[in-house]
Each structure stands twice: as structure tokens, then as C-alpha cells.
Amino acid sequence: MRAHRLLILAGLGVVGAPLGGCGGGCANGGGDGWRPELPPEPLPEDVIFDDSPGYWGDLVHISGTHLTRDPSWHLYVGEFEVFADQTGQWTDESLIWRMPFPYRGAVELEAFGQRFYAGEFELADGWTAGEAVTTGPVLALEAGDTRLCGVVDRGDELWIHTWADDGEILSLPLNNAGVEGDIKLAERGDRCHLALRESGGSLYFATMNAGGLADAATGVEVSAVIGFDGEEDPALWTVEAGALVERRPSNAFAAEGEPYVFGGDSWTRGSVTSDGRVVVAWGDDAGGALNQKEMLRVGWFDPELQTFDIEDPDGAERDDYVVEIELQVSPDGERALVSYCASNDQLFTPSELTCYTPLARGAGAWVDSASNPELMTTRMADTGLVHAIDGDSGVLIDFAGQDPRTLPLWGGVTLALAVDPSGEVHLLEQGADGRLYRPRR
């Protein structure tokens, strides 16, 4: 702050007066400590925002006068604040920024304790961010005909969510005791089914709809959960004691048919195809009298024909155990993406873990792949891989067999994608405000 302020006094010219007092006296009777009133700062005027309708990622601006920024000023779009590091050029007559996802609503400038309404930011082409939920890593996401089913890890507990096409969201915490391996979901009509292997090996099952969450203590010990079949009353496939087992949740989880022994363990991963086949990847014993070895194998089990077709993606024998398997399979079962590591156990030192290049199967042949099946932003469709990639202009959807397209979701982070039975891509996005959304058009 200046130590003196120049005052223009009528008939007296320019005088320098100290801010701390008047020295010998004050003409207005103020005495010591009196300060002349400072001229008011000019307030923003003619504040206008008219870049609407538009898209997230658009460069937008406010025009007006007396817009020179003060540290106490704030810019809002609806309930969201645009922070200093999100703005670009800010002059006395213009403020420019890039509209981040999921901002929308009234555009207002707050200055000197007052709000100045500039206009409304509305989304073009019917885009909506939807309602927000608490964010976290997305552990599973499944797209059905009418809704998305997802599981989000909030740190202290897992939550199951459903996002209906009409915008309705249902959210409830799960009552499971930890999770080991994959979480499997199935959307059937107005409900989502969930199955997972709890820490310790017990099968946990839950169903959620508008009536709430119903879960069950199944009493079934499993090595891995493979997935649900496509029936309206779905059966659940699991791995138990090295065998594939089909269980019906609606029938008290009774086993159906004969178990099919193939040697799978807790690292087995798999899914069920649209025609009812069960696809699994596991580490199979490769022999070795003096040195334990396993080989990655992928098998297609047909419950009706009781056949099990096996392929060796890389044909390599690994010391000692195949672990950390990740597998994605297309709905028709003809394409797959798999990755794995090998754990070489040592007598006196920690085990050595070596991970290998992912392998993709298309047209019956396995080749090296740059894609990672562990990523929730990568999915295997009937035509090939689908990727969601955050870019400078939005989210790029790279869908094998289709032209790439960009969705106007700039400013967020894509956490997961799913492909519904019709081939439409659905995303879960963490917005610039740190919350989780299911955007749609």
C-alpha cells in the first residue's frame, strides 16, 4: 500500500497527505487517524456471455468493461468455480477460458462482494453430464439394454451404482468383506446382479434395483468368479477346486450339471460369451520334474457339447507359476486380449515377478498387442478393441471397424467405458470438479 496518497483539493493544487494521520490537524475535524475516503473502484459493467449453446472444451468469453482482475474476484458457471489456472486471457474488456466438463448453468462474475450475471451456458446437441456421485477407481462396469451397472471403490467401502437411460441413479454400499479377483456384473431389466470372491474365498452375491440392495451369504467357497450367462434368470459360472461350476442364484446357488475339471486356480480369469460358452485363461502345469513350470492357456468350454478347446497364446513355459492374469473376451467369443506375469519362487530371496507383452486374438491367431486388458478404458468388442483416450479436444473413441470420433468431454478424466449389446459406447467421467458422472446425449 502507498505511504502517501495524492489528493486534489479545490483551490489548493496537489498535496501529499500521509495515510496515518493529519499531523497538525484535519480540516474535517477528524483528528489523528482520519483518512480521506478513497475513490470507489469501478465495478464491472455491461458483463455479457453469449457463447451458448456450446460444448465442453469450447473457448468461451465474457465481454464488458472494468474487468481487470482483482485477487478477490471469482468466476462461476452454475455451481462450479472456474479457477485461475483454468482461465486464459483476462483483460479490462474480456475474459477468455475453455469450458471444462461438466460445467453448465449461469455464468456469473463475483467482484467486491457482488455478483454480475453474464448469461447461461447450455449444452448443444442434447448433451448432459447427468447427476454426480462420489468418485473413485471404477472396478467394474457393465452396459445393458437400459442401464449401466458399475462398482466404485471409495477407499473404505465399495459402492454399486446403476445409471438408467432416463437419468435415474441408484447408489448403495456393498456389504462384502474385501474382494479378490474380478467383479462380475449383469444387467437384467430393472436390476443389476453382482458377484465377487471375498477375501478368504467366499462367494458374495448381490442384486440391486429401485427396491434396494439384496445380498446373500452364499456359503460357497470359490477360487474365481467367471461371469453370468445371458439368460433372464442368469446362471453364474465359478471356478471351484480346479473345476468350472454353474450355479443358479435364484435356486439357492445350487450347482447345475457336472463340474468340468480343467485345473484352474485363484488366478483364473474369464467371461461368458453371448452364445453361452465359458472362456477362461489360467496357468496350466507344464511338467518339469526338477523345476516347476506353467504355461498360459486359454480355453473355450461349451456346456451343451461338453467340449473344451484350448489354445496356447505364446507357447512359452514359465518358471514357476503364471500369475496376474487379465483377460478380456468379445461377446461372441472370437476375440480376446490377455496379459500375465510369471512368479519365479526363490528359496532364500523374494520371488521374481516377470510380466510379458499382452497378446490379442483375432481370426484365430495370437499376436503381440500394445493394449492392456487391465485398463477400464479398453474393451474387446466383436469387431476388435475399443479405446477411450483423453485428448486435447475431448475424448477420442477408437472403435475397431468404425471411424474414430471425438466426444466433447474436455477437462475430465475417463475412468471406464462399456459397450452395450447394440454397440453403443458408454463412459464414466471424473469431472473437473472431482466428482463422477455418466455423460450422454
Foldseek 3Di string as FASTA:
>chain_A
DDQWDWDQDVPPGTDTAGQQAHVPQDPVRPHGNDGDDDDDQDDWAPWAWDPPAEFQFDKTKIFTAQFPDDPVKWKAQVVDTQDPVQWDDTDRTMTIGGHAPPGWFWIWMADPNDIDTHGTYHYPPPWHFADFDAAAFWQDWADEDFWIWTWGCPPVFIKIWIAGPVRDIDIDTDPAAAFAAHWEWDDAPQKIKIWTAHVVFFIKIWMDGPVGIDIDRLVDGFLTWEYWADDNQTWTWTHDPQWIWTFGVVVSRDTDDDTHHDRAGNQKYWYAANVGKTKIWFWAFPDDPPFAKTFIKIWIADVVVRDIDIDGQVPDIDAHGKHPKAKAAANHRQKMKIWIWYWHPDDPDHTDIGTDFIWMGHPHHIDGDPDDRSAQQWHAYPQGIWGWDQDSQATWIDDRPDDIDGDRNPQWAWNHWYAYPVGDIWTWTQTNVRTITTMDD
